[in-house]
Amino acid sequence: MAKSRKAVGRAEPKYNPMKSNVIQMGVVFIIIAALVLVYAAGVMK
């Protein structure tokens, strides 16, 4: 148990920061794009 936890602890810092940053950027970009599309659709109507 202790060994597996240590291994996971070592693996997480390497992978998670990059993946979480990419995911956050993607989510933020999608949200902004959706808001812009909704706003544009509202203006067009």
Protein backbone atom coordinates (compact mmCIF):
# COMPACT_ATOMS: atom_id res chain seq x y z
CA MET A 1 0.00 0.00 0.00
CA ALA A 2 2.71 2.45 1.06
CA LYS A 3 4.79 1.75 -2.04
CA SER A 4 1.86 2.14 -4.42
CA ARG A 5 0.81 5.40 -2.73
CA LYS A 6 4.35 6.77 -3.02
CA ALA A 7 4.48 5.76 -6.69
CA VAL A 8 1.15 7.48 -7.33
CA GLY A 9 2.33 10.55 -5.41
CA ARG A 10 5.45 10.74 -7.58
CA ALA A 11 3.54 10.18 -10.82
CA GLU A 12 0.80 12.76 -10.18
CA PRO A 13 2.92 15.94 -9.99
CA LYS A 14 4.54 15.12 -13.36
CA TYR A 15 1.31 14.50 -15.27
CA ASN A 16 -1.51 16.40 -13.52
CA PRO A 17 -0.24 20.02 -13.80
CA MET A 18 0.05 19.86 -17.59
CA LYS A 19 -3.18 17.94 -18.14
CA SER A 20 -5.17 20.09 -15.69
CA ASN A 21 -3.85 23.29 -17.32
CA VAL A 22 -4.75 22.05 -20.80
CA ILE A 23 -8.19 20.94 -19.63
CA GLN A 24 -8.80 24.27 -17.85
CA MET A 25 -7.74 26.24 -20.93
CA GLY A 26 -9.97 24.08 -23.13
CA VAL A 27 -12.97 24.46 -20.81
CA VAL A 28 -12.48 28.22 -20.52
CA PHE A 29 -12.09 28.54 -24.31
CA ILE A 30 -15.26 26.49 -24.93
CA ILE A 31 -17.23 28.55 -22.38
CA ILE A 32 -16.04 31.85 -23.90
CA ALA A 33 -16.79 30.59 -27.43
CA ALA A 34 -20.29 29.49 -26.33
CA LEU A 35 -20.96 32.88 -24.69
CA VAL A 36 -19.76 34.71 -27.82
CA LEU A 37 -21.97 32.54 -30.05
CA VAL A 38 -25.01 33.11 -27.79
CA TYR A 39 -24.31 36.86 -27.69
CA ALA A 40 -23.87 37.01 -31.48
CA ALA A 41 -27.09 35.03 -32.01
CA GLY A 42 -28.92 37.44 -29.68
CA VAL A 43 -27.56 40.48 -31.55
CA MET A 44 -28.45 39.01 -34.96
CA LYS A 45 -32.05 38.42 -33.86
